[in-house]
Amino acid sequence: MGVKNQIKYGYYDWSQSEIYNEIVNADGKIMVVIAFGGSTYKFALE
């Protein structure tokens, strides 16, 4: 089962992902960019 299907069906273990580890172990702000359809969203997590 690929990652896309694992996420869709709730089987993906986020604690093992690079994204999760970068967010949890961040020392400062985390810059986030989400591109969806024709829109782009940019923000920082503190």
N, C-alpha and C. Protein backbone atom coordinates (compact mmCIF):
# COMPACT_ATOMS: atom_id res chain seq x y z
N MET A 1 0.86 -1.19 0.00
CA MET A 1 0.00 0.00 0.00
C MET A 1 0.90 1.24 0.00
N GLY A 2 0.67 2.16 -0.95
CA GLY A 2 1.46 3.37 -1.04
C GLY A 2 1.09 4.38 0.04
N VAL A 3 1.94 5.38 0.19
CA VAL A 3 1.74 6.40 1.22
C VAL A 3 0.40 7.11 1.04
N LYS A 4 0.02 7.42 -0.21
CA LYS A 4 -1.24 8.11 -0.46
C LYS A 4 -2.42 7.31 0.09
N ASN A 5 -2.45 6.02 -0.16
CA ASN A 5 -3.53 5.18 0.34
C ASN A 5 -3.45 5.02 1.86
N GLN A 6 -2.25 4.95 2.40
CA GLN A 6 -2.10 4.84 3.85
C GLN A 6 -2.70 6.06 4.55
N ILE A 7 -2.43 7.25 3.99
CA ILE A 7 -2.99 8.49 4.55
C ILE A 7 -4.51 8.48 4.39
N LYS A 8 -4.99 8.14 3.20
CA LYS A 8 -6.42 8.13 2.92
C LYS A 8 -7.18 7.24 3.89
N TYR A 9 -6.62 6.08 4.21
CA TYR A 9 -7.33 5.13 5.07
C TYR A 9 -6.88 5.18 6.53
N GLY A 10 -6.05 6.17 6.88
CA GLY A 10 -5.67 6.38 8.27
C GLY A 10 -4.64 5.41 8.81
N TYR A 11 -3.86 4.79 7.94
CA TYR A 11 -2.85 3.83 8.38
C TYR A 11 -1.45 4.43 8.47
N TYR A 12 -1.28 5.66 8.01
CA TYR A 12 0.05 6.26 7.95
C TYR A 12 0.50 6.69 9.34
N ASP A 13 1.71 6.31 9.72
CA ASP A 13 2.26 6.66 11.03
C ASP A 13 3.04 7.97 10.89
N TRP A 14 2.38 9.08 11.21
CA TRP A 14 3.00 10.40 11.04
C TRP A 14 4.25 10.56 11.89
N SER A 15 4.33 9.89 13.03
CA SER A 15 5.50 10.04 13.91
C SER A 15 6.77 9.50 13.26
N GLN A 16 6.66 8.74 12.19
CA GLN A 16 7.82 8.21 11.49
C GLN A 16 8.18 9.04 10.25
N SER A 17 7.43 10.11 9.98
CA SER A 17 7.68 10.89 8.77
C SER A 17 8.67 12.02 9.03
N GLU A 18 9.38 12.42 7.98
CA GLU A 18 10.34 13.52 8.08
C GLU A 18 9.64 14.83 8.41
N ILE A 19 8.47 15.06 7.85
CA ILE A 19 7.73 16.31 8.10
C ILE A 19 7.38 16.41 9.58
N TYR A 20 6.84 15.36 10.15
CA TYR A 20 6.47 15.35 11.56
C TYR A 20 7.69 15.63 12.43
N ASN A 21 8.78 14.95 12.16
CA ASN A 21 9.99 15.13 12.96
C ASN A 21 10.54 16.55 12.86
N GLU A 22 10.48 17.15 11.68
CA GLU A 22 10.95 18.53 11.53
C GLU A 22 10.09 19.50 12.33
N ILE A 23 8.78 19.29 12.35
CA ILE A 23 7.88 20.17 13.10
C ILE A 23 8.07 20.00 14.59
N VAL A 24 8.10 18.78 15.07
CA VAL A 24 8.21 18.51 16.50
C VAL A 24 9.55 18.94 17.07
N ASN A 25 10.61 18.79 16.28
CA ASN A 25 11.96 19.08 16.78
C ASN A 25 12.49 20.43 16.32
N ALA A 26 11.63 21.31 15.86
CA ALA A 26 12.05 22.62 15.35
C ALA A 26 12.57 23.50 16.48
N ASP A 27 13.60 24.29 16.17
CA ASP A 27 14.17 25.22 17.14
C ASP A 27 13.57 26.62 17.01
N GLY A 28 12.90 26.90 15.92
CA GLY A 28 12.34 28.22 15.69
C GLY A 28 11.09 28.12 14.86
N LYS A 29 10.85 29.16 14.06
CA LYS A 29 9.68 29.17 13.19
C LYS A 29 9.81 28.13 12.09
N ILE A 30 8.67 27.59 11.67
CA ILE A 30 8.63 26.65 10.57
C ILE A 30 7.83 27.31 9.46
N MET A 31 8.48 27.54 8.32
CA MET A 31 7.81 28.15 7.20
C MET A 31 7.09 27.06 6.41
N VAL A 32 5.80 27.29 6.12
CA VAL A 32 4.97 26.30 5.45
C VAL A 32 4.41 26.90 4.16
N VAL A 33 4.46 26.14 3.09
CA VAL A 33 3.85 26.53 1.82
C VAL A 33 2.98 25.37 1.35
N ILE A 34 1.71 25.66 1.11
CA ILE A 34 0.79 24.65 0.61
C ILE A 34 0.24 25.14 -0.72
N ALA A 35 0.45 24.35 -1.77
CA ALA A 35 -0.10 24.66 -3.09
C ALA A 35 -1.22 23.67 -3.36
N PHE A 36 -2.43 24.19 -3.57
CA PHE A 36 -3.59 23.34 -3.80
C PHE A 36 -4.41 23.94 -4.92
N GLY A 37 -4.57 23.19 -5.99
CA GLY A 37 -5.29 23.72 -7.14
C GLY A 37 -4.54 24.92 -7.69
N GLY A 38 -5.21 26.04 -7.84
CA GLY A 38 -4.57 27.26 -8.32
C GLY A 38 -4.18 28.21 -7.21
N SER A 39 -4.30 27.77 -5.95
CA SER A 39 -4.01 28.63 -4.82
C SER A 39 -2.73 28.21 -4.10
N THR A 40 -2.04 29.20 -3.53
CA THR A 40 -0.85 28.94 -2.73
C THR A 40 -1.03 29.64 -1.39
N TYR A 41 -0.79 28.91 -0.31
CA TYR A 41 -0.93 29.44 1.05
C TYR A 41 0.44 29.39 1.71
N LYS A 42 0.88 30.50 2.28
CA LYS A 42 2.18 30.59 2.95
C LYS A 42 1.95 31.10 4.36
N PHE A 43 2.56 30.42 5.34
CA PHE A 43 2.45 30.86 6.72
C PHE A 43 3.58 30.26 7.55
N ALA A 44 3.72 30.74 8.77
CA ALA A 44 4.77 30.25 9.66
C ALA A 44 4.12 29.64 10.90
N LEU A 45 4.68 28.54 11.36
CA LEU A 45 4.26 27.92 12.61
C LEU A 45 5.29 28.30 13.67
N GLU A 46 4.82 28.70 14.83
CA GLU A 46 5.74 29.07 15.91
C GLU A 46 5.58 28.12 17.07
